């Protein structure tokens, strides 16, 4: 997600490129501002961190690098439990960036 014009969150679908040390590499179809606080959902984990690089050109993929501060895992089991309790379907795993202003 990235902040919209009114400061609300929005989702930015991206492709996971790799994770080395405390750096997460992604590719997105749009830029994400440097210094943005982000959450990245990938498979069964939630990465929380800050964008330290965002490079690219319009009509091409943007390379985004996130300095990860925390990683939370076991999300699928928590979402399945929530779904059972609320009677909802379980969302499919994907890679999404949530950016907060």
N, C-alpha and C. Protein backbone atom coordinates (compact mmCIF):
# COMPACT_ATOMS: atom_id res chain seq x y z
N UNK A 1 0.83 -1.18 0.00
CA UNK A 1 0.00 0.00 0.00
C UNK A 1 0.88 1.24 0.00
N UNK A 2 0.42 2.25 -0.67
CA UNK A 2 1.08 3.55 -0.62
C UNK A 2 0.05 4.59 -0.26
N UNK A 3 0.46 5.74 0.28
CA UNK A 3 -0.52 6.74 0.65
C UNK A 3 -1.16 7.36 -0.59
N UNK A 4 -2.47 7.49 -0.55
CA UNK A 4 -3.17 8.16 -1.63
C UNK A 4 -3.09 9.66 -1.42
N UNK A 5 -3.69 10.45 -2.31
CA UNK A 5 -3.64 11.90 -2.20
C UNK A 5 -4.20 12.42 -0.88
N UNK A 6 -5.15 11.69 -0.29
CA UNK A 6 -5.75 12.13 0.97
C UNK A 6 -5.09 11.50 2.19
N UNK A 7 -3.93 10.80 2.01
CA UNK A 7 -3.20 10.21 3.13
C UNK A 7 -3.65 8.81 3.50
N UNK A 8 -4.67 8.27 2.81
CA UNK A 8 -5.12 6.91 3.10
C UNK A 8 -4.15 5.90 2.50
N UNK A 9 -4.21 4.67 3.00
CA UNK A 9 -3.34 3.61 2.50
C UNK A 9 -3.87 3.06 1.20
N UNK A 10 -2.97 2.57 0.36
CA UNK A 10 -3.38 1.85 -0.84
C UNK A 10 -2.38 0.74 -1.11
N UNK A 11 -2.84 -0.29 -1.79
CA UNK A 11 -2.00 -1.47 -2.08
C UNK A 11 -1.20 -1.26 -3.35
N UNK A 12 0.04 -1.73 -3.32
CA UNK A 12 0.90 -1.73 -4.49
C UNK A 12 1.35 -3.18 -4.71
N UNK A 13 0.76 -3.89 -5.68
CA UNK A 13 1.23 -5.24 -5.96
C UNK A 13 2.68 -5.20 -6.44
N UNK A 14 3.45 -6.16 -6.01
CA UNK A 14 4.85 -6.20 -6.41
C UNK A 14 5.33 -7.64 -6.47
N UNK A 15 6.54 -7.80 -7.00
CA UNK A 15 7.17 -9.12 -7.08
C UNK A 15 8.33 -9.16 -6.11
N UNK A 16 8.39 -10.25 -5.35
CA UNK A 16 9.47 -10.48 -4.40
C UNK A 16 10.73 -10.84 -5.18
N UNK A 17 11.82 -10.12 -4.96
CA UNK A 17 13.08 -10.38 -5.65
C UNK A 17 14.08 -11.10 -4.77
N UNK A 18 14.06 -10.82 -3.47
CA UNK A 18 15.00 -11.48 -2.57
C UNK A 18 15.06 -10.81 -1.21
N UNK A 19 15.69 -11.51 -0.27
CA UNK A 19 15.85 -11.03 1.09
C UNK A 19 17.23 -11.42 1.55
N UNK A 20 18.07 -10.42 1.84
CA UNK A 20 19.43 -10.68 2.27
C UNK A 20 19.76 -9.74 3.43
N UNK A 21 20.26 -10.33 4.52
CA UNK A 21 20.51 -9.52 5.71
C UNK A 21 19.21 -8.94 6.21
N UNK A 22 19.14 -7.64 6.29
CA UNK A 22 17.89 -6.97 6.70
C UNK A 22 17.31 -6.18 5.54
N UNK A 23 17.67 -6.55 4.30
CA UNK A 23 17.19 -5.83 3.12
C UNK A 23 16.28 -6.71 2.28
N UNK A 24 15.13 -6.18 1.93
CA UNK A 24 14.13 -6.86 1.12
C UNK A 24 14.08 -6.17 -0.23
N UNK A 25 14.24 -6.92 -1.32
CA UNK A 25 14.21 -6.36 -2.67
C UNK A 25 12.89 -6.73 -3.34
N UNK A 26 12.25 -5.72 -3.93
CA UNK A 26 10.95 -5.89 -4.59
C UNK A 26 10.97 -5.18 -5.93
N UNK A 27 10.04 -5.58 -6.82
CA UNK A 27 9.80 -4.86 -8.06
C UNK A 27 8.32 -4.52 -8.11
N UNK A 28 8.02 -3.25 -8.42
CA UNK A 28 6.64 -2.78 -8.47
C UNK A 28 6.41 -2.00 -9.75
N UNK A 29 5.14 -1.81 -10.11
CA UNK A 29 4.80 -1.09 -11.33
C UNK A 29 4.74 0.42 -11.10
N UNK A 30 4.93 0.85 -9.84
CA UNK A 30 4.93 2.27 -9.52
C UNK A 30 5.93 2.54 -8.40
N UNK A 31 6.37 3.80 -8.28
CA UNK A 31 7.36 4.10 -7.25
C UNK A 31 6.73 4.13 -5.86
N UNK A 32 7.56 3.87 -4.87
CA UNK A 32 7.17 4.02 -3.47
C UNK A 32 8.18 5.00 -2.88
N UNK A 33 7.72 6.09 -2.28
CA UNK A 33 8.64 7.12 -1.80
C UNK A 33 9.66 6.60 -0.79
N UNK A 34 10.92 7.04 -0.93
CA UNK A 34 11.97 6.72 0.03
C UNK A 34 11.56 7.29 1.39
N UNK A 35 11.91 6.59 2.44
CA UNK A 35 11.59 6.94 3.84
C UNK A 35 10.16 6.61 4.23
N UNK A 36 9.40 5.96 3.34
CA UNK A 36 8.04 5.54 3.69
C UNK A 36 8.08 4.33 4.60
N UNK A 37 7.26 4.33 5.64
CA UNK A 37 7.08 3.15 6.48
C UNK A 37 6.20 2.19 5.71
N UNK A 38 6.62 0.92 5.60
CA UNK A 38 5.87 -0.04 4.79
C UNK A 38 5.69 -1.35 5.54
N UNK A 39 4.66 -2.07 5.13
CA UNK A 39 4.49 -3.47 5.53
C UNK A 39 4.37 -4.26 4.23
N UNK A 40 5.08 -5.38 4.16
CA UNK A 40 5.09 -6.21 2.97
C UNK A 40 4.60 -7.60 3.35
N UNK A 41 3.52 -8.04 2.72
CA UNK A 41 2.99 -9.38 2.94
C UNK A 41 3.55 -10.30 1.87
N UNK A 42 4.21 -11.38 2.29
CA UNK A 42 4.75 -12.36 1.34
C UNK A 42 4.63 -13.74 1.95
N UNK A 43 3.94 -14.63 1.23
CA UNK A 43 3.68 -15.99 1.71
C UNK A 43 3.09 -15.93 3.10
N UNK A 44 3.79 -16.46 4.08
CA UNK A 44 3.25 -16.55 5.43
C UNK A 44 3.94 -15.57 6.38
N UNK A 45 4.45 -14.46 5.84
CA UNK A 45 5.18 -13.50 6.67
C UNK A 45 4.76 -12.07 6.36
N UNK A 46 4.94 -11.23 7.36
CA UNK A 46 4.69 -9.80 7.24
C UNK A 46 5.99 -9.10 7.63
N UNK A 47 6.57 -8.36 6.68
CA UNK A 47 7.80 -7.62 6.90
C UNK A 47 7.43 -6.17 7.17
N UNK A 48 7.97 -5.59 8.23
CA UNK A 48 7.74 -4.20 8.57
C UNK A 48 9.06 -3.45 8.45
N UNK A 49 9.05 -2.32 7.75
CA UNK A 49 10.30 -1.60 7.58
C UNK A 49 10.12 -0.26 6.89
N UNK A 50 11.22 0.21 6.30
CA UNK A 50 11.26 1.53 5.68
C UNK A 50 11.90 1.43 4.30
N UNK A 51 11.33 2.13 3.32
CA UNK A 51 11.90 2.15 1.97
C UNK A 51 13.19 2.97 2.01
N UNK A 52 14.31 2.34 1.55
CA UNK A 52 15.59 3.04 1.51
C UNK A 52 16.02 3.36 0.08
N UNK A 53 15.38 2.73 -0.91
CA UNK A 53 15.67 3.02 -2.32
C UNK A 53 14.46 2.69 -3.17
N UNK A 54 14.20 3.53 -4.18
CA UNK A 54 13.12 3.31 -5.13
C UNK A 54 13.57 3.89 -6.46
N UNK A 55 13.96 3.00 -7.39
CA UNK A 55 14.50 3.43 -8.67
C UNK A 55 13.70 2.84 -9.82
N UNK A 56 13.52 3.61 -10.86
CA UNK A 56 12.83 3.12 -12.04
C UNK A 56 12.41 4.27 -12.92
N UNK A 57 11.76 3.92 -14.02
CA UNK A 57 11.28 4.90 -14.98
C UNK A 57 9.82 4.61 -15.29
N UNK A 58 9.04 5.63 -15.67
CA UNK A 58 7.65 5.39 -16.04
C UNK A 58 7.56 4.31 -17.13
N UNK A 59 6.51 3.52 -17.08
CA UNK A 59 6.25 2.42 -18.02
C UNK A 59 7.24 1.27 -17.88
N UNK A 60 8.00 1.24 -16.79
CA UNK A 60 8.92 0.14 -16.51
C UNK A 60 8.77 -0.23 -15.04
N UNK A 61 9.38 -1.32 -14.64
CA UNK A 61 9.31 -1.74 -13.25
C UNK A 61 10.18 -0.85 -12.37
N UNK A 62 9.75 -0.65 -11.13
CA UNK A 62 10.51 0.10 -10.15
C UNK A 62 11.16 -0.89 -9.18
N UNK A 63 12.45 -0.74 -8.96
CA UNK A 63 13.16 -1.55 -7.98
C UNK A 63 13.06 -0.85 -6.64
N UNK A 64 12.57 -1.57 -5.64
CA UNK A 64 12.36 -1.00 -4.32
C UNK A 64 13.16 -1.82 -3.31
N UNK A 65 13.87 -1.14 -2.44
CA UNK A 65 14.62 -1.80 -1.39
C UNK A 65 14.09 -1.34 -0.04
N UNK A 66 13.78 -2.31 0.82
CA UNK A 66 13.20 -2.03 2.13
C UNK A 66 14.17 -2.51 3.21
N UNK A 67 14.47 -1.63 4.16
CA UNK A 67 15.24 -2.02 5.34
C UNK A 67 14.23 -2.59 6.33
N UNK A 68 14.33 -3.88 6.63
CA UNK A 68 13.36 -4.57 7.47
C UNK A 68 13.70 -4.38 8.95
N UNK A 69 12.69 -3.96 9.71
CA UNK A 69 12.84 -3.79 11.16
C UNK A 69 12.29 -4.98 11.93
N UNK A 70 11.18 -5.56 11.44
CA UNK A 70 10.55 -6.71 12.10
C UNK A 70 9.95 -7.64 11.06
N UNK A 71 9.92 -8.93 11.41
CA UNK A 71 9.27 -9.94 10.58
C UNK A 71 8.30 -10.71 11.46
N UNK A 72 7.06 -10.79 11.02
CA UNK A 72 6.04 -11.57 11.71
C UNK A 72 5.68 -12.75 10.83
N UNK A 73 5.63 -13.95 11.42
CA UNK A 73 5.30 -15.13 10.61
C UNK A 73 4.09 -15.85 11.21
N UNK A 74 3.59 -16.86 10.48
CA UNK A 74 2.41 -17.59 10.92
C UNK A 74 1.12 -16.88 10.58
N UNK A 75 1.15 -16.03 9.57
CA UNK A 75 -0.03 -15.24 9.22
C UNK A 75 -1.18 -16.09 8.69
N UNK A 76 -0.88 -17.11 7.90
CA UNK A 76 -1.95 -17.92 7.30
C UNK A 76 -2.79 -18.61 8.38
N UNK A 77 -2.14 -19.13 9.43
CA UNK A 77 -2.92 -19.79 10.48
C UNK A 77 -3.76 -18.78 11.25
N UNK A 78 -3.24 -17.57 11.47
CA UNK A 78 -4.03 -16.54 12.13
C UNK A 78 -5.20 -16.09 11.27
N UNK A 79 -4.98 -15.94 9.96
CA UNK A 79 -6.05 -15.52 9.06
C UNK A 79 -7.11 -16.62 8.94
N UNK A 80 -6.69 -17.89 8.93
CA UNK A 80 -7.65 -19.00 8.86
C UNK A 80 -8.52 -19.03 10.11
N UNK A 81 -7.91 -18.83 11.27
CA UNK A 81 -8.67 -18.80 12.52
C UNK A 81 -9.66 -17.63 12.50
N UNK A 82 -9.19 -16.47 12.09
CA UNK A 82 -10.07 -15.30 12.00
C UNK A 82 -11.24 -15.57 11.06
N UNK A 83 -10.95 -16.19 9.90
CA UNK A 83 -11.99 -16.50 8.93
C UNK A 83 -13.04 -17.44 9.50
N UNK A 84 -12.57 -18.47 10.22
CA UNK A 84 -13.52 -19.42 10.83
C UNK A 84 -14.39 -18.71 11.86
N UNK A 85 -13.77 -17.85 12.66
CA UNK A 85 -14.52 -17.15 13.70
C UNK A 85 -15.52 -16.15 13.12
N UNK A 86 -15.15 -15.52 12.00
CA UNK A 86 -16.02 -14.51 11.39
C UNK A 86 -16.83 -15.04 10.22
N UNK A 87 -16.61 -16.32 9.83
CA UNK A 87 -17.35 -16.90 8.72
C UNK A 87 -16.96 -16.34 7.37
N UNK A 88 -15.69 -15.93 7.22
CA UNK A 88 -15.21 -15.36 5.96
C UNK A 88 -14.33 -16.37 5.24
N UNK A 89 -14.07 -16.12 3.95
CA UNK A 89 -13.13 -16.92 3.20
C UNK A 89 -11.70 -16.53 3.54
N UNK A 90 -10.77 -17.45 3.39
CA UNK A 90 -9.36 -17.17 3.66
C UNK A 90 -8.75 -16.51 2.43
N UNK A 91 -8.14 -15.32 2.57
CA UNK A 91 -7.52 -14.64 1.43
C UNK A 91 -6.32 -15.43 0.91
N UNK A 92 -6.06 -15.31 -0.39
CA UNK A 92 -4.93 -15.98 -1.02
C UNK A 92 -3.64 -15.23 -0.72
N UNK A 93 -2.55 -15.98 -0.60
CA UNK A 93 -1.25 -15.36 -0.35
C UNK A 93 -0.80 -14.58 -1.57
N UNK A 94 -0.18 -13.43 -1.35
CA UNK A 94 0.33 -12.59 -2.41
C UNK A 94 1.41 -11.69 -1.83
N UNK A 95 2.03 -10.92 -2.69
CA UNK A 95 3.00 -9.94 -2.23
C UNK A 95 2.40 -8.56 -2.39
N UNK A 96 2.22 -7.85 -1.29
CA UNK A 96 1.66 -6.52 -1.30
C UNK A 96 2.51 -5.62 -0.41
N UNK A 97 2.63 -4.39 -0.81
CA UNK A 97 3.32 -3.40 0.01
C UNK A 97 2.28 -2.45 0.57
N UNK A 98 2.29 -2.24 1.87
CA UNK A 98 1.44 -1.26 2.53
C UNK A 98 2.34 -0.12 2.97
N UNK A 99 2.08 1.07 2.47
CA UNK A 99 2.93 2.21 2.79
C UNK A 99 2.14 3.19 3.62
N UNK A 100 2.72 3.65 4.72
CA UNK A 100 2.09 4.63 5.56
C UNK A 100 2.86 5.93 5.46
N UNK A 101 2.15 7.00 5.45
CA UNK A 101 2.74 8.33 5.35
C UNK A 101 3.52 8.69 6.58
